[in-house]
Each structure stands twice: as C-alpha cells, then as structure tokens.
C-alpha cells in the first residue's frame, strides 16, 4: 500500500502489511530521486518497469540503466540512493 515514508510526522497513519521473505526475494529501498526521475516531457518514471531489472543477476545495474533510458541524459531533479536487500 502507498503511504508516507518511515519517520515522517507523528500523526501519520499507516496499515501494517506482512509478507513472506523467501530465499531469492529482493526488496529495493530508494529515495525520491528514483520515483521523481522525469523524462524530457516531464513524465515520471513508471516504477513498475523496474520489476524486470530487479530480477537480473546485477539488479542495481539494470535499475540505473532503466533510469538513464527514461531520463535520456536529463539531470535528475534530486539525489538518488538505492539499497537492495536480498534473502540469500
């Protein structure tokens, strides 16, 4: 479910969600530099397009390549940080 990031506001409401963490599963943590990456028309990056790169052997390389393809050399409007966790 969509919601505010952790630690924002004392009165933020959220719904707890529990998922199974199986070997081979991955989770990508990212800053808003990823979700706000825009193309030349100002369109945001569709985060659902990152599912394929995240299944590759070098997932962060694939994610960064997808961002570069989307922005086509345009500067990011914000800094970008990625952390990938994988259940080994």
PDB file of N, CA and C in Angstrom:
ATOM      1  N   UNK A   1       0.828  -1.211   0.000  1.00  0.00           N
ATOM      2  CA  UNK A   1       0.000   0.000   0.000  1.00  0.00           C
ATOM      3  C   UNK A   1       0.856   1.252   0.000  1.00  0.00           C
ATOM      4  N   UNK A   2       0.360   2.292  -0.604  1.00  0.00           N
ATOM      5  CA  UNK A   2       1.066   3.564  -0.652  1.00  0.00           C
ATOM      6  C   UNK A   2       0.940   4.259   0.685  1.00  0.00           C
ATOM      7  N   UNK A   3       1.932   5.037   1.034  1.00  0.00           N
ATOM      8  CA  UNK A   3       1.890   5.794   2.277  1.00  0.00           C
ATOM      9  C   UNK A   3       3.142   6.618   2.420  1.00  0.00           C
ATOM     10  N   UNK A   4       3.187   7.363   3.502  1.00  0.00           N
ATOM     11  CA  UNK A   4       4.352   8.189   3.774  1.00  0.00           C
ATOM     12  C   UNK A   4       5.526   7.320   4.191  1.00  0.00           C
ATOM     13  N   UNK A   5       6.741   7.791   3.930  1.00  0.00           N
ATOM     14  CA  UNK A   5       7.916   7.030   4.360  1.00  0.00           C
ATOM     15  C   UNK A   5       8.003   6.950   5.879  1.00  0.00           C
ATOM     16  N   UNK A   6       8.812   6.050   6.340  1.00  0.00           N
ATOM     17  CA  UNK A   6       9.000   5.871   7.779  1.00  0.00           C
ATOM     18  C   UNK A   6       9.491   7.148   8.435  1.00  0.00           C
ATOM     19  N   UNK A   7       8.993   7.414   9.632  1.00  0.00           N
ATOM     20  CA  UNK A   7       9.503   8.521  10.424  1.00  0.00           C
ATOM     21  C   UNK A   7       8.998   9.889  10.043  1.00  0.00           C
ATOM     22  N   UNK A   8       7.998   9.998   9.177  1.00  0.00           N
ATOM     23  CA  UNK A   8       7.507  11.320   8.796  1.00  0.00           C
ATOM     24  C   UNK A   8       6.232  11.633   9.552  1.00  0.00           C
ATOM     25  N   UNK A   9       6.323  12.536  10.452  1.00  0.00           N
ATOM     26  CA  UNK A   9       5.142  13.018  11.167  1.00  0.00           C
ATOM     27  C   UNK A   9       4.693  12.105  12.282  1.00  0.00           C
ATOM     28  N   UNK A  10       4.277  12.709  13.346  1.00  0.00           N
ATOM     29  CA  UNK A  10       3.797  11.950  14.491  1.00  0.00           C
ATOM     30  C   UNK A  10       2.398  11.395  14.268  1.00  0.00           C
ATOM     31  N   UNK A  11       1.651  12.023  13.375  1.00  0.00           N
ATOM     32  CA  UNK A  11       0.256  11.654  13.217  1.00  0.00           C
ATOM     33  C   UNK A  11      -0.006  10.912  11.908  1.00  0.00           C
ATOM     34  N   UNK A  12       1.045  10.455  11.262  1.00  0.00           N
ATOM     35  CA  UNK A  12       0.871   9.729  10.001  1.00  0.00           C
ATOM     36  C   UNK A  12       0.181   8.398  10.287  1.00  0.00           C
ATOM     37  N   UNK A  13      -0.804   8.078   9.478  1.00  0.00           N
ATOM     38  CA  UNK A  13      -1.483   6.792   9.647  1.00  0.00           C
ATOM     39  C   UNK A  13      -0.917   5.804   8.634  1.00  0.00           C
ATOM     40  N   UNK A  14      -0.962   4.549   8.966  1.00  0.00           N
ATOM     41  CA  UNK A  14      -0.463   3.522   8.085  1.00  0.00           C
ATOM     42  C   UNK A  14      -1.183   2.223   8.396  1.00  0.00           C
ATOM     43  N   UNK A  15      -1.094   1.318   7.446  1.00  0.00           N
ATOM     44  CA  UNK A  15      -1.632  -0.020   7.630  1.00  0.00           C
ATOM     45  C   UNK A  15      -0.463  -0.984   7.578  1.00  0.00           C
ATOM     46  N   UNK A  16      -0.286  -1.764   8.618  1.00  0.00           N
ATOM     47  CA  UNK A  16       0.794  -2.751   8.635  1.00  0.00           C
ATOM     48  C   UNK A  16       0.491  -3.842   7.616  1.00  0.00           C
ATOM     49  N   UNK A  17       1.509  -4.251   6.908  1.00  0.00           N
ATOM     50  CA  UNK A  17       1.382  -5.318   5.921  1.00  0.00           C
ATOM     51  C   UNK A  17       2.472  -6.339   6.181  1.00  0.00           C
ATOM     52  N   UNK A  18       2.109  -7.583   6.165  1.00  0.00           N
ATOM     53  CA  UNK A  18       3.065  -8.653   6.400  1.00  0.00           C
ATOM     54  C   UNK A  18       3.234  -9.456   5.110  1.00  0.00           C
ATOM     55  N   UNK A  19       4.486  -9.704   4.733  1.00  0.00           N
ATOM     56  CA  UNK A  19       4.773 -10.503   3.541  1.00  0.00           C
ATOM     57  C   UNK A  19       5.776 -11.586   3.914  1.00  0.00           C
ATOM     58  N   UNK A  20       5.766 -12.657   3.167  1.00  0.00           N
ATOM     59  CA  UNK A  20       6.735 -13.734   3.405  1.00  0.00           C
ATOM     60  C   UNK A  20       8.063 -13.355   2.768  1.00  0.00           C
ATOM     61  N   UNK A  21       9.152 -13.625   3.450  1.00  0.00           N
ATOM     62  CA  UNK A  21      10.510 -13.313   2.991  1.00  0.00           C
ATOM     63  C   UNK A  21      11.181 -14.626   2.683  1.00  0.00           C
ATOM     64  N   UNK A  22      11.198 -14.992   1.408  1.00  0.00           N
ATOM     65  CA  UNK A  22      11.693 -16.295   0.954  1.00  0.00           C
ATOM     66  C   UNK A  22      13.091 -16.153   0.339  1.00  0.00           C
ATOM     67  N   UNK A  23      13.893 -17.220   0.358  1.00  0.00           N
ATOM     68  CA  UNK A  23      15.190 -17.177  -0.324  1.00  0.00           C
ATOM     69  C   UNK A  23      15.017 -16.744  -1.788  1.00  0.00           C
ATOM     70  N   UNK A  24      15.866 -15.814  -2.199  1.00  0.00           N
ATOM     71  CA  UNK A  24      15.806 -15.283  -3.561  1.00  0.00           C
ATOM     72  C   UNK A  24      14.986 -14.008  -3.666  1.00  0.00           C
ATOM     73  N   UNK A  25      14.174 -13.697  -2.653  1.00  0.00           N
ATOM     74  CA  UNK A  25      13.383 -12.466  -2.675  1.00  0.00           C
ATOM     75  C   UNK A  25      14.300 -11.260  -2.531  1.00  0.00           C
ATOM     76  N   UNK A  26      13.877 -10.165  -3.141  1.00  0.00           N
ATOM     77  CA  UNK A  26      14.624  -8.918  -3.075  1.00  0.00           C
ATOM     78  C   UNK A  26      13.672  -7.787  -2.736  1.00  0.00           C
ATOM     79  N   UNK A  27      14.212  -6.788  -2.057  1.00  0.00           N
ATOM     80  CA  UNK A  27      13.455  -5.570  -1.797  1.00  0.00           C
ATOM     81  C   UNK A  27      14.370  -4.394  -2.113  1.00  0.00           C
ATOM     82  N   UNK A  28      13.818  -3.428  -2.823  1.00  0.00           N
ATOM     83  CA  UNK A  28      14.577  -2.238  -3.196  1.00  0.00           C
ATOM     84  C   UNK A  28      14.098  -1.066  -2.353  1.00  0.00           C
ATOM     85  N   UNK A  29      15.026  -0.460  -1.635  1.00  0.00           N
ATOM     86  CA  UNK A  29      14.763   0.769  -0.889  1.00  0.00           C
ATOM     87  C   UNK A  29      15.365   1.908  -1.701  1.00  0.00           C
ATOM     88  N   UNK A  30      14.643   3.008  -1.814  1.00  0.00           N
ATOM     89  CA  UNK A  30      15.125   4.090  -2.667  1.00  0.00           C
ATOM     90  C   UNK A  30      14.639   5.437  -2.155  1.00  0.00           C
ATOM     91  N   UNK A  31      15.370   6.478  -2.546  1.00  0.00           N
ATOM     92  CA  UNK A  31      14.966   7.844  -2.226  1.00  0.00           C
ATOM     93  C   UNK A  31      14.047   8.353  -3.328  1.00  0.00           C
ATOM     94  N   UNK A  32      13.472   9.514  -3.083  1.00  0.00           N
ATOM     95  CA  UNK A  32      12.543  10.073  -4.062  1.00  0.00           C
ATOM     96  C   UNK A  32      13.213  10.486  -5.363  1.00  0.00           C
ATOM     97  N   UNK A  33      14.539  10.469  -5.412  1.00  0.00           N
ATOM     98  CA  UNK A  33      15.215  10.722  -6.680  1.00  0.00           C
ATOM     99  C   UNK A  33      14.851   9.690  -7.728  1.00  0.00           C
ATOM    100  N   UNK A  34      14.532   8.476  -7.315  1.00  0.00           N
ATOM    101  CA  UNK A  34      14.109   7.438  -8.259  1.00  0.00           C
ATOM    102  C   UNK A  34      12.664   7.655  -8.687  1.00  0.00           C
ATOM    103  N   UNK A  35      11.776   7.811  -7.736  1.00  0.00           N
ATOM    104  CA  UNK A  35      10.358   7.933  -8.067  1.00  0.00           C
ATOM    105  C   UNK A  35      10.029   9.254  -8.761  1.00  0.00           C
ATOM    106  N   UNK A  36      10.919  10.244  -8.659  1.00  0.00           N
ATOM    107  CA  UNK A  36      10.682  11.530  -9.300  1.00  0.00           C
ATOM    108  C   UNK A  36      11.546  11.750 -10.538  1.00  0.00           C
ATOM    109  N   UNK A  37      12.208  10.704 -11.029  1.00  0.00           N
ATOM    110  CA  UNK A  37      13.006  10.827 -12.252  1.00  0.00           C
ATOM    111  C   UNK A  37      12.053  11.105 -13.415  1.00  0.00           C
ATOM    112  N   UNK A  38      12.328  12.162 -14.166  1.00  0.00           N
ATOM    113  CA  UNK A  38      11.437  12.583 -15.256  1.00  0.00           C
ATOM    114  C   UNK A  38      12.131  12.505 -16.612  1.00  0.00           C
ATOM    115  N   UNK A  39      11.315  12.274 -17.631  1.00  0.00           N
ATOM    116  CA  UNK A  39      11.840  12.304 -18.991  1.00  0.00           C
ATOM    117  C   UNK A  39      11.746  13.735 -19.521  1.00  0.00           C
ATOM    118  N   UNK A  40      12.073  13.936 -20.805  1.00  0.00           N
ATOM    119  CA  UNK A  40      12.079  15.280 -21.392  1.00  0.00           C
ATOM    120  C   UNK A  40      10.695  15.923 -21.388  1.00  0.00           C
ATOM    121  N   UNK A  41       9.629  15.125 -21.386  1.00  0.00           N
ATOM    122  CA  UNK A  41       8.256  15.644 -21.352  1.00  0.00           C
ATOM    123  C   UNK A  41       7.776  15.914 -19.923  1.00  0.00           C
ATOM    124  N   UNK A  42       8.603  15.563 -18.940  1.00  0.00           N
ATOM    125  CA  UNK A  42       8.225  15.767 -17.555  1.00  0.00           C
ATOM    126  C   UNK A  42       7.481  14.600 -16.944  1.00  0.00           C
ATOM    127  N   UNK A  43       7.419  13.470 -17.656  1.00  0.00           N
ATOM    128  CA  UNK A  43       6.724  12.283 -17.162  1.00  0.00           C
ATOM    129  C   UNK A  43       7.603  11.546 -16.150  1.00  0.00           C
ATOM    130  N   UNK A  44       6.984  11.116 -15.054  1.00  0.00           N
ATOM    131  CA  UNK A  44       7.702  10.364 -14.036  1.00  0.00           C
ATOM    132  C   UNK A  44       8.038   8.959 -14.526  1.00  0.00           C
ATOM    133  N   UNK A  45       9.102   8.400 -13.988  1.00  0.00           N
ATOM    134  CA  UNK A  45       9.473   7.009 -14.250  1.00  0.00           C
ATOM    135  C   UNK A  45       8.386   6.099 -13.695  1.00  0.00           C
ATOM    136  N   UNK A  46       7.919   5.157 -14.488  1.00  0.00           N
ATOM    137  CA  UNK A  46       6.935   4.165 -14.040  1.00  0.00           C
ATOM    138  C   UNK A  46       7.703   3.090 -13.277  1.00  0.00           C
ATOM    139  N   UNK A  47       7.555   3.079 -11.955  1.00  0.00           N
ATOM    140  CA  UNK A  47       8.340   2.169 -11.116  1.00  0.00           C
ATOM    141  C   UNK A  47       8.038   0.702 -11.406  1.00  0.00           C
ATOM    142  N   UNK A  48       6.877   0.408 -11.977  1.00  0.00           N
ATOM    143  CA  UNK A  48       6.565  -0.990 -12.296  1.00  0.00           C
ATOM    144  C   UNK A  48       7.485  -1.540 -13.387  1.00  0.00           C
ATOM    145  N   UNK A  49       8.118  -0.659 -14.162  1.00  0.00           N
ATOM    146  CA  UNK A  49       9.041  -1.118 -15.200  1.00  0.00           C
ATOM    147  C   UNK A  49      10.348  -1.644 -14.614  1.00  0.00           C
ATOM    148  N   UNK A  50      10.542  -1.483 -13.320  1.00  0.00           N
ATOM    149  CA  UNK A  50      11.781  -1.941 -12.686  1.00  0.00           C
ATOM    150  C   UNK A  50      11.713  -3.402 -12.250  1.00  0.00           C
ATOM    151  N   UNK A  51      10.572  -4.037 -12.398  1.00  0.00           N
ATOM    152  CA  UNK A  51      10.437  -5.438 -11.987  1.00  0.00           C
ATOM    153  C   UNK A  51      11.407  -6.330 -12.760  1.00  0.00           C
ATOM    154  N   UNK A  52      11.525  -6.140 -14.062  1.00  0.00           N
ATOM    155  CA  UNK A  52      12.444  -6.976 -14.844  1.00  0.00           C
ATOM    156  C   UNK A  52      13.900  -6.744 -14.455  1.00  0.00           C
ATOM    157  N   UNK A  53      14.378  -5.496 -14.400  1.00  0.00           N
ATOM    158  CA  UNK A  53      15.771  -5.300 -13.974  1.00  0.00           C
ATOM    159  C   UNK A  53      16.057  -5.874 -12.589  1.00  0.00           C
ATOM    160  N   UNK A  54      15.069  -5.819 -11.697  1.00  0.00           N
ATOM    161  CA  UNK A  54      15.296  -6.330 -10.344  1.00  0.00           C
ATOM    162  C   UNK A  54      15.428  -7.841 -10.295  1.00  0.00           C
ATOM    163  N   UNK A  55      15.024  -8.532 -11.357  1.00  0.00           N
ATOM    164  CA  UNK A  55      15.163  -9.990 -11.392  1.00  0.00           C
ATOM    165  C   UNK A  55      16.463 -10.431 -12.059  1.00  0.00           C
ATOM    166  N   UNK A  56      17.243  -9.478 -12.545  1.00  0.00           N
ATOM    167  CA  UNK A  56      18.504  -9.789 -13.224  1.00  0.00           C
ATOM    168  C   UNK A  56      19.608 -10.107 -12.204  1.00  0.00           C
ATOM    169  N   UNK A  57      20.698 -10.753 -12.671  1.00  0.00           N
ATOM    170  CA  UNK A  57      21.813 -11.060 -11.759  1.00  0.00           C
ATOM    171  C   UNK A  57      22.462  -9.812 -11.150  1.00  0.00           C
ATOM    172  N   UNK A  58      22.511  -8.711 -11.887  1.00  0.00           N
ATOM    173  CA  UNK A  58      23.059  -7.440 -11.390  1.00  0.00           C
ATOM    174  C   UNK A  58      21.920  -6.420 -11.351  1.00  0.00           C
ATOM    175  N   UNK A  59      21.024  -6.530 -10.393  1.00  0.00           N
ATOM    176  CA  UNK A  59      19.799  -5.735 -10.420  1.00  0.00           C
ATOM    177  C   UNK A  59      20.002  -4.228 -10.358  1.00  0.00           C
ATOM    178  N   UNK A  60      20.951  -3.756  -9.579  1.00  0.00           N
ATOM    179  CA  UNK A  60      21.129  -2.305  -9.483  1.00  0.00           C
ATOM    180  C   UNK A  60      21.640  -1.719 -10.791  1.00  0.00           C
ATOM    181  N   UNK A  61      22.480  -2.461 -11.509  1.00  0.00           N
ATOM    182  CA  UNK A  61      22.915  -2.003 -12.826  1.00  0.00           C
ATOM    183  C   UNK A  61      21.711  -1.844 -13.745  1.00  0.00           C
ATOM    184  N   UNK A  62      20.789  -2.804 -13.689  1.00  0.00           N
ATOM    185  CA  UNK A  62      19.589  -2.743 -14.526  1.00  0.00           C
ATOM    186  C   UNK A  62      18.678  -1.592 -14.142  1.00  0.00           C
ATOM    187  N   UNK A  63      18.525  -1.333 -12.860  1.00  0.00           N
ATOM    188  CA  UNK A  63      17.685  -0.217 -12.397  1.00  0.00           C
ATOM    189  C   UNK A  63      18.284   1.105 -12.862  1.00  0.00           C
ATOM    190  N   UNK A  64      19.583   1.268 -12.678  1.00  0.00           N
ATOM    191  CA  UNK A  64      20.232   2.512 -13.102  1.00  0.00           C
ATOM    192  C   UNK A  64      20.157   2.693 -14.618  1.00  0.00           C
ATOM    193  N   UNK A  65      20.289   1.606 -15.374  1.00  0.00           N
ATOM    194  CA  UNK A  65      20.163   1.687 -16.832  1.00  0.00           C
ATOM    195  C   UNK A  65      18.744   2.117 -17.214  1.00  0.00           C
ATOM    196  N   UNK A  66      17.740   1.617 -16.509  1.00  0.00           N
ATOM    197  CA  UNK A  66      16.352   1.999 -16.785  1.00  0.00           C
ATOM    198  C   UNK A  66      16.134   3.490 -16.498  1.00  0.00           C
ATOM    199  N   UNK A  67      16.738   3.984 -15.427  1.00  0.00           N
ATOM    200  CA  UNK A  67      16.626   5.407 -15.107  1.00  0.00           C
ATOM    201  C   UNK A  67      17.291   6.231 -16.202  1.00  0.00           C
ATOM    202  N   UNK A  68      18.469   5.805 -16.638  1.00  0.00           N
ATOM    203  CA  UNK A  68      19.184   6.541 -17.698  1.00  0.00           C
ATOM    204  C   UNK A  68      18.379   6.537 -18.999  1.00  0.00           C
ATOM    205  N   UNK A  69      17.778   5.402 -19.341  1.00  0.00           N
ATOM    206  CA  UNK A  69      16.948   5.335 -20.559  1.00  0.00           C
ATOM    207  C   UNK A  69      15.757   6.281 -20.434  1.00  0.00           C
ATOM    208  N   UNK A  70      15.140   6.304 -19.281  1.00  0.00           N
ATOM    209  CA  UNK A  70      13.961   7.146 -19.087  1.00  0.00           C
ATOM    210  C   UNK A  70      14.312   8.629 -19.150  1.00  0.00           C
ATOM    211  N   UNK A  71      15.368   9.025 -18.480  1.00  0.00           N
ATOM    212  CA  UNK A  71      15.732  10.445 -18.426  1.00  0.00           C
ATOM    213  C   UNK A  71      16.505  10.887 -19.663  1.00  0.00           C
ATOM    214  N   UNK A  72      17.076   9.947 -20.392  1.00  0.00           N
ATOM    215  CA  UNK A  72      17.836  10.232 -21.625  1.00  0.00           C
ATOM    216  C   UNK A  72      18.791  11.407 -21.476  1.00  0.00           C
ATOM    217  N   UNK A  73      19.582  11.349 -20.414  1.00  0.00           N
ATOM    218  CA  UNK A  73      20.603  12.373 -20.214  1.00  0.00           C
ATOM    219  C   UNK A  73      20.136  13.595 -19.460  1.00  0.00           C
ATOM    220  N   UNK A  74      18.836  13.713 -19.202  1.00  0.00           N
ATOM    221  CA  UNK A  74      18.363  14.843 -18.390  1.00  0.00           C
ATOM    222  C   UNK A  74      18.870  14.658 -16.967  1.00  0.00           C
ATOM    223  N   UNK A  75      19.209  15.754 -16.338  1.00  0.00           N
ATOM    224  CA  UNK A  75      19.669  15.677 -14.953  1.00  0.00           C
ATOM    225  C   UNK A  75      18.514  15.279 -14.047  1.00  0.00           C
ATOM    226  N   UNK A  76      18.824  14.480 -13.045  1.00  0.00           N
ATOM    227  CA  UNK A  76      17.811  14.135 -12.054  1.00  0.00           C
ATOM    228  C   UNK A  76      17.484  15.380 -11.236  1.00  0.00           C
ATOM    229  N   UNK A  77      16.234  15.506 -10.836  1.00  0.00           N
ATOM    230  CA  UNK A  77      15.819  16.657 -10.055  1.00  0.00           C
ATOM    231  C   UNK A  77      16.210  16.559  -8.600  1.00  0.00           C
ATOM    232  N   UNK A  78      16.692  15.389  -8.191  1.00  0.00           N
ATOM    233  CA  UNK A  78      17.028  15.157  -6.782  1.00  0.00           C
ATOM    234  C   UNK A  78      18.104  14.083  -6.733  1.00  0.00           C
ATOM    235  N   UNK A  79      18.732  13.950  -5.576  1.00  0.00           N
ATOM    236  CA  UNK A  79      19.734  12.899  -5.430  1.00  0.00           C
ATOM    237  C   UNK A  79      19.043  11.532  -5.487  1.00  0.00           C
ATOM    238  N   UNK A  80      19.811  10.515  -5.793  1.00  0.00           N
ATOM    239  CA  UNK A  80      19.280   9.169  -5.939  1.00  0.00           C
ATOM    240  C   UNK A  80      20.129   8.218  -5.114  1.00  0.00           C
ATOM    241  N   UNK A  81      19.477   7.486  -4.216  1.00  0.00           N
ATOM    242  CA  UNK A  81      20.156   6.463  -3.424  1.00  0.00           C
ATOM    243  C   UNK A  81      19.337   5.186  -3.518  1.00  0.00           C
ATOM    244  N   UNK A  82      20.028   4.061  -3.712  1.00  0.00           N
ATOM    245  CA  UNK A  82      19.387   2.760  -3.813  1.00  0.00           C
ATOM    246  C   UNK A  82      20.049   1.800  -2.827  1.00  0.00           C
ATOM    247  N   UNK A  83      19.252   0.985  -2.178  1.00  0.00           N
ATOM    248  CA  UNK A  83      19.750  -0.090  -1.325  1.00  0.00           C
ATOM    249  C   UNK A  83      18.939  -1.318  -1.691  1.00  0.00           C
ATOM    250  N   UNK A  84      19.631  -2.393  -2.053  1.00  0.00           N
ATOM    251  CA  UNK A  84      18.948  -3.633  -2.410  1.00  0.00           C
ATOM    252  C   UNK A  84      19.229  -4.673  -1.337  1.00  0.00           C
ATOM    253  N   UNK A  85      18.170  -5.262  -0.811  1.00  0.00           N
ATOM    254  CA  UNK A  85      18.283  -6.343   0.147  1.00  0.00           C
ATOM    255  C   UNK A  85      17.852  -7.618  -0.541  1.00  0.00           C
ATOM    256  N   UNK A  86      18.617  -8.686  -0.347  1.00  0.00           N
ATOM    257  CA  UNK A  86      18.282  -9.966  -0.963  1.00  0.00           C
ATOM    258  C   UNK A  86      18.372 -11.062   0.098  1.00  0.00           C
ATOM    259  N   UNK A  87      17.364 -11.901   0.121  1.00  0.00           N
ATOM    260  CA  UNK A  87      17.339 -13.057   1.034  1.00  0.00           C
ATOM    261  C   UNK A  87      18.186 -14.140   0.380  1.00  0.00           C
ATOM    262  N   UNK A  88      19.371 -14.397   0.936  1.00  0.00           N
ATOM    263  CA  UNK A  88      20.290 -15.383   0.353  1.00  0.00           C
ATOM    264  C   UNK A  88      19.943 -16.783   0.795  1.00  0.00           C
TER     265      UNK A  88
END
